[in-house]
Amino acid sequence: MLTYKNIKGYELIEQYGIYNALTNKNGVSRDHMLSINYGWTHNIPPEIISHPANCEIMTQSNNSKKSSKSSITLEELKERIATWK
C-alpha cells in the first residue's frame, strides 16, 4: 500500500493492519487530509491532492466518520509539500 514511513499515522499499519471489508474491518486506510472533493470543487491540480504529504493513515472507522471533510487547509498542504522529504 504505502512505502512512505514519514506519512502521519504510518505506525498504525503495524498495530491494526490494512483495512479489508472481509478480513480486517478494524484496519487502517489512507486518508486525504485535504479532501479529494475539495480539490475537485476548487480546481486543485491532481498532483497536489495526490501528493504523499496529503496522506494520513487512520483507522477505517475514523476515515468513514471524517467523510469528505478536510483536516488541513490548502496553505497547510502546500507548506507540507514544500518541506516533504
Protein backbone atom coordinates (compact mmCIF):
# COMPACT_ATOMS: atom_id res chain seq x y z
CA MET A 1 0.00 0.00 0.00
CA LEU A 2 2.36 2.72 1.19
CA THR A 3 6.10 3.00 1.15
CA TYR A 4 6.45 6.39 2.86
CA LYS A 5 7.19 5.87 6.52
CA ASN A 6 7.01 9.62 7.17
CA ILE A 7 3.26 9.72 6.43
CA LYS A 8 1.31 10.75 9.51
CA GLY A 9 -0.04 7.66 11.27
CA TYR A 10 2.19 5.17 9.39
CA GLU A 11 2.92 3.33 12.66
CA LEU A 12 -0.76 2.34 12.87
CA ILE A 13 -0.31 -0.10 9.96
CA GLU A 14 1.70 -2.47 12.14
CA GLN A 15 -0.75 -2.14 15.02
CA TYR A 16 -4.02 -2.59 13.09
CA GLY A 17 -3.09 -3.90 9.66
CA ILE A 18 -4.58 -2.75 6.36
CA TYR A 19 -8.36 -2.42 6.21
CA ASN A 20 -10.22 -5.13 4.34
CA ALA A 21 -14.01 -5.29 4.38
CA LEU A 22 -13.94 -9.08 4.58
CA THR A 23 -10.90 -9.93 6.68
CA ASN A 24 -9.90 -6.83 8.69
CA LYS A 25 -12.69 -4.37 9.46
CA ASN A 26 -10.57 -2.80 12.23
CA GLY A 27 -7.70 -2.00 9.89
CA VAL A 28 -6.32 1.30 8.66
CA SER A 29 -6.71 3.13 5.38
CA ARG A 30 -5.17 6.14 3.70
CA ASP A 31 -6.98 9.43 4.10
CA HIS A 32 -6.52 12.56 2.01
CA MET A 33 -6.20 15.33 4.60
CA LEU A 34 -7.27 17.95 2.05
CA SER A 35 -10.18 16.05 0.60
CA ILE A 36 -10.46 14.88 -2.98
CA ASN A 37 -13.88 16.54 -3.09
CA TYR A 38 -12.37 19.88 -2.03
CA GLY A 39 -9.71 19.52 -4.69
CA TRP A 40 -12.30 18.76 -7.35
CA THR A 41 -14.61 21.65 -6.46
CA HIS A 42 -11.72 24.14 -6.18
CA ASN A 43 -9.83 23.01 -9.31
CA ILE A 44 -6.72 22.00 -7.37
CA PRO A 45 -4.28 20.08 -9.59
CA PRO A 46 -4.29 16.30 -9.04
CA GLU A 47 -0.54 16.30 -8.30
CA ILE A 48 -1.22 18.40 -5.20
CA ILE A 49 -4.17 16.34 -3.95
CA SER A 50 -2.35 13.05 -4.63
CA HIS A 51 0.97 14.13 -3.05
CA PRO A 52 2.06 11.86 -0.17
CA ALA A 53 2.19 14.94 2.08
CA ASN A 54 -1.61 14.99 1.79
CA CYS A 55 -1.92 11.49 3.24
CA GLU A 56 -2.67 10.33 6.72
CA ILE A 57 -3.12 6.77 7.94
CA MET A 58 -6.13 6.28 10.20
CA THR A 59 -8.50 3.53 11.15
CA GLN A 60 -11.13 2.93 8.51
CA SER A 61 -13.86 3.70 11.05
CA ASN A 62 -12.39 7.16 11.70
CA ASN A 63 -11.87 7.71 7.97
CA SER A 64 -15.53 6.90 7.35
CA LYS A 65 -16.60 9.34 10.09
CA LYS A 66 -14.43 12.06 8.55
CA SER A 67 -16.16 11.52 5.20
CA SER A 68 -15.23 14.26 2.71
CA LYS A 69 -14.17 16.82 5.33
CA SER A 70 -10.66 18.24 5.19
CA SER A 71 -8.38 18.19 8.21
CA ILE A 72 -5.91 20.75 6.78
CA THR A 73 -6.12 23.85 4.62
CA LEU A 74 -4.67 24.23 1.13
CA GLU A 75 -1.98 26.52 2.53
CA GLU A 76 -1.02 23.94 5.17
CA LEU A 77 -0.80 21.29 2.47
CA LYS A 78 1.41 23.50 0.30
CA GLU A 79 3.71 24.00 3.31
CA ARG A 80 3.83 20.23 3.90
CA ILE A 81 4.67 19.63 0.23
CA ALA A 82 7.42 22.28 0.30
CA THR A 83 9.13 20.57 3.25
CA TRP A 84 8.39 16.94 2.23
CA LYS A 85 11.41 14.63 2.47
